[in-house]
Protein backbone atom coordinates (compact mmCIF):
# COMPACT_ATOMS: atom_id res chain seq x y z
CA MET A 1 16.22 14.96 -17.44
CA LYS A 2 13.62 17.31 -15.97
CA MET A 3 9.95 16.51 -15.98
CA GLU A 4 7.97 19.29 -17.64
CA LYS A 5 4.90 18.32 -15.71
CA LYS A 6 4.84 17.73 -11.97
CA GLU A 7 4.26 14.05 -11.32
CA PRO A 8 1.16 12.93 -9.39
CA HIS A 9 1.83 12.38 -5.69
CA PHE A 10 0.38 9.47 -3.72
CA LYS A 11 0.50 8.81 0.01
CA ILE A 12 1.24 5.17 0.87
CA LEU A 13 1.16 3.47 4.28
CA VAL A 14 3.09 0.34 5.23
CA LEU A 15 1.00 -1.43 7.87
CA GLY A 16 1.16 -4.67 9.84
CA ASP A 17 2.03 -6.16 13.20
CA PRO A 18 5.39 -5.51 14.91
CA SER A 19 8.39 -7.48 13.58
CA VAL A 20 6.82 -8.44 10.22
CA GLY A 21 9.65 -6.55 8.49
CA LYS A 22 7.91 -3.30 7.48
CA SER A 23 11.03 -1.14 7.82
CA CYS A 24 13.28 -3.67 6.06
CA PHE A 25 10.67 -3.99 3.31
CA LEU A 26 10.59 -0.22 2.78
CA ILE A 27 14.38 0.22 2.93
CA ARG A 28 14.85 -2.60 0.41
CA TYR A 29 12.45 -0.86 -1.99
CA THR A 30 13.67 2.72 -1.60
CA GLU A 31 17.40 2.11 -1.06
CA ASP A 32 17.90 -1.44 -2.37
CA THR A 33 19.70 -2.45 0.81
CA PHE A 34 18.87 -4.79 3.69
CA GLN A 35 19.08 -3.72 7.30
CA ASP A 36 19.73 -6.92 9.24
CA VAL A 37 19.66 -5.29 12.68
CA TYR A 38 16.11 -5.09 14.00
CA LEU A 39 15.17 -1.65 15.29
CA SER A 40 11.57 -1.03 16.30
CA THR A 41 10.04 1.91 14.48
CA ILE A 42 9.16 4.65 16.94
CA GLY A 43 5.98 6.27 15.69
CA MET A 44 6.58 6.69 11.95
CA ASP A 45 9.12 7.32 9.22
CA CYS A 46 8.71 8.60 5.67
CA LYS A 47 10.56 7.94 2.43
CA TYR A 48 9.97 8.98 -1.20
CA LYS A 49 10.23 6.97 -4.39
CA ASP A 50 9.65 8.03 -7.99
CA VAL A 51 8.08 5.33 -10.15
CA ILE A 52 8.33 5.38 -13.93
CA LEU A 53 5.23 3.95 -15.57
CA GLU A 54 4.51 3.23 -19.22
CA GLU A 55 4.65 6.02 -21.82
CA ASP A 56 7.25 7.92 -19.78
CA LYS A 57 4.74 8.75 -17.09
CA SER A 58 6.08 9.21 -13.58
CA ILE A 59 4.44 9.26 -10.17
CA ARG A 60 5.89 9.96 -6.76
CA LEU A 61 5.14 7.71 -3.79
CA GLN A 62 5.34 9.19 -0.31
CA ILE A 63 5.69 6.00 1.76
CA TRP A 64 5.08 6.01 5.51
CA ASP A 65 6.56 3.27 7.67
CA THR A 66 4.34 2.93 10.74
CA ALA A 67 4.85 1.34 14.14
CA GLY A 68 2.78 -1.78 14.73
CA GLN A 69 2.63 -1.51 18.52
CA ASP A 70 -0.75 -0.75 20.08
CA ARG A 71 0.62 2.28 21.92
CA PHE A 72 1.30 3.91 18.55
CA ARG A 73 -2.06 2.92 17.02
CA SER A 74 -3.55 6.41 17.58
CA ILE A 75 -0.70 7.93 15.56
CA THR A 76 -1.29 5.39 12.82
CA LYS A 77 -5.01 6.23 12.71
CA ASN A 78 -4.25 9.93 12.22
CA LEU A 79 -1.90 8.96 9.43
CA TYR A 80 -4.69 7.20 7.50
CA LYS A 81 -5.98 10.60 6.38
CA GLY A 82 -5.22 11.17 2.71
CA ALA A 83 -3.81 7.69 2.15
CA ALA A 84 -4.25 6.43 -1.42
CA GLY A 85 -2.55 3.07 -1.02
CA ILE A 86 -1.56 0.58 1.66
CA MET A 87 0.97 -2.21 1.83
CA LEU A 88 -0.44 -4.60 4.43
CA ILE A 89 2.32 -6.97 5.55
CA TYR A 90 2.39 -10.17 7.57
CA ASP A 91 5.23 -12.57 8.37
CA ILE A 92 4.88 -16.03 6.79
CA THR A 93 6.83 -17.48 9.74
CA ASN A 94 4.46 -16.02 12.34
CA ARG A 95 0.85 -17.25 12.25
CA ASN A 96 -0.39 -14.53 14.62
CA THR A 97 0.60 -11.75 12.21
CA PHE A 98 -1.45 -13.44 9.49
CA ASP A 99 -4.43 -13.98 11.81
CA ASN A 100 -4.44 -10.21 12.45
CA VAL A 101 -4.79 -9.32 8.75
CA LYS A 102 -8.59 -9.13 9.03
CA LYS A 103 -8.26 -6.81 12.01
CA TRP A 104 -6.04 -4.50 9.98
CA VAL A 105 -8.42 -4.55 7.00
CA ASN A 106 -11.35 -3.66 9.26
CA SER A 107 -9.34 -0.84 10.83
CA ILE A 108 -8.52 0.52 7.36
CA LYS A 109 -12.17 0.42 6.34
CA GLU A 110 -13.16 2.28 9.50
CA GLU A 111 -10.59 5.02 9.06
CA VAL A 112 -10.45 5.50 5.27
CA THR A 113 -13.65 6.71 3.64
CA SER A 114 -12.30 7.22 0.12
CA LYS A 115 -11.15 4.50 -2.31
CA VAL A 116 -7.84 3.07 -1.11
CA VAL A 117 -5.75 0.43 -2.88
CA ILE A 118 -4.52 -2.35 -0.56
CA ILE A 119 -1.79 -4.83 -1.48
CA LEU A 120 -1.42 -7.88 0.80
CA VAL A 121 2.17 -9.02 1.32
CA GLY A 122 3.51 -12.16 2.95
CA ASN A 123 7.09 -11.25 3.91
CA LYS A 124 10.20 -13.34 4.74
CA ILE A 125 9.88 -16.04 2.07
CA ASP A 126 13.66 -16.48 2.43
CA LEU A 127 12.73 -18.31 5.67
CA ASP A 128 10.49 -20.81 3.90
CA LYS A 129 11.61 -23.69 6.15
CA LYS A 130 10.08 -21.83 9.11
CA ARG A 131 6.87 -21.09 7.23
CA GLN A 132 3.65 -21.15 9.32
CA VAL A 133 1.34 -19.59 6.69
CA GLN A 134 0.90 -21.34 3.36
CA THR A 135 0.73 -19.42 0.08
CA ASP A 136 -2.82 -20.53 -0.66
CA GLU A 137 -3.96 -19.12 2.70
CA GLY A 138 -2.63 -15.70 1.71
CA GLU A 139 -4.25 -15.99 -1.71
CA GLN A 140 -7.58 -16.91 -0.13
CA ILE A 141 -7.79 -13.93 2.25
CA ALA A 142 -6.56 -11.60 -0.51
CA GLU A 143 -9.36 -12.85 -2.76
CA GLU A 144 -11.87 -12.41 0.07
CA PHE A 145 -11.00 -8.72 0.39
CA ASP A 146 -10.26 -8.17 -3.34
CA MET A 147 -6.57 -7.37 -2.79
CA PRO A 148 -3.60 -8.19 -5.03
CA PHE A 149 -1.29 -10.62 -3.20
CA PHE A 150 2.48 -11.08 -3.19
CA GLU A 151 4.94 -13.12 -1.19
CA CYS A 152 8.19 -11.20 -0.81
CA SER A 153 11.57 -11.13 0.86
CA ALA A 154 13.11 -7.95 2.22
CA LEU A 155 16.38 -9.90 2.55
CA THR A 156 16.68 -10.84 -1.14
CA GLY A 157 14.35 -8.20 -2.60
CA GLU A 158 12.23 -10.89 -4.30
CA ASN A 159 8.88 -9.55 -5.59
CA ILE A 160 9.11 -6.22 -3.73
CA ASN A 161 9.42 -4.12 -6.88
CA SER A 162 6.57 -6.08 -8.46
CA ALA A 163 4.34 -5.40 -5.47
CA PHE A 164 4.99 -1.66 -5.59
CA GLU A 165 4.63 -1.53 -9.39
CA THR A 166 1.22 -3.18 -9.09
CA LEU A 167 0.26 -0.67 -6.40
CA ALA A 168 1.44 2.26 -8.53
CA LYS A 169 -0.52 1.12 -11.59
CA LYS A 170 -3.68 0.59 -9.56
CA LEU A 171 -3.34 4.05 -7.98
CA VAL A 172 -3.20 5.61 -11.44
CA GLU A 173 -6.22 3.55 -12.55
CA VAL A 174 -8.27 4.61 -9.52
CA LYS A 175 -7.34 8.27 -10.04
CA ALA A 176 -8.28 8.09 -13.74
CA LYS A 177 -11.64 6.48 -12.93
CA ALA A 178 -12.36 9.10 -10.26
CA LYS A 179 -11.51 11.89 -12.72
CA GLN A 180 -13.74 10.33 -15.38
CA HIS A 181 -16.57 9.93 -12.87
CA GLY A 182 -16.20 13.58 -11.81
CA GLU A 183 -16.32 14.74 -15.43
CA GLN A 184 -19.45 12.67 -16.05
CA LEU A 185 -21.14 14.17 -13.01
CA LYS A 186 -20.19 17.64 -14.23
CA GLN A 187 -21.57 16.92 -17.70
CA ASN A 188 -24.78 15.51 -16.24
CA LYS A 189 -25.17 18.59 -14.06
CA VAL A 190 -24.63 20.94 -17.00
CA GLY A 191 -26.97 18.88 -19.16
CA GLY A 192 -29.61 18.91 -16.44
CA GLU A 193 -29.39 22.68 -16.07
CA LYS A 194 -29.80 23.18 -19.82
CA LYS A 195 -32.77 20.88 -19.89
CA SER A 196 -34.53 22.76 -17.08
CA CYS A 197 -34.00 26.04 -18.91
CA CYS A 198 -35.77 24.91 -22.10
């Protein structure tokens, strides 16, 4: 079935410290498989996913998997340009990756000037016995920065689709609000010009 109208396109970044499972998280979502051999992402990788929303509306996500290592940070910063959404991931079994969440949020705020939707994800809930970060800690920092929060597992796929569906819906909402705001500004400008003419 062909779409008569070209679907909106959104650029998404998957960010977080090394070894939090960013690549596995992305592969599970886009290919519904789990890659159990750890391979460090060199620079960046990109995958596409079409998301069907309500009322037969479709959007396309261009999802960038980024390296977490400091030596690749400059590449990541360049990649921020044009990003509409971000999946910020930490590992629930590694306290340091959670402690760095604020650093990542601050970096995003420095690099992204436009409205960007951030989803906070605690990954590897299949390793709950090794948990170092409690669920309520994730909820608290997500509330502090006004971010939706999910705990997921790239191994089992638990909650990954839900996290991306929430992101997709929020992206559409933000775009609709921006369009409405732009139309209001245009109407105000036209109204102002008419008023000054009379």
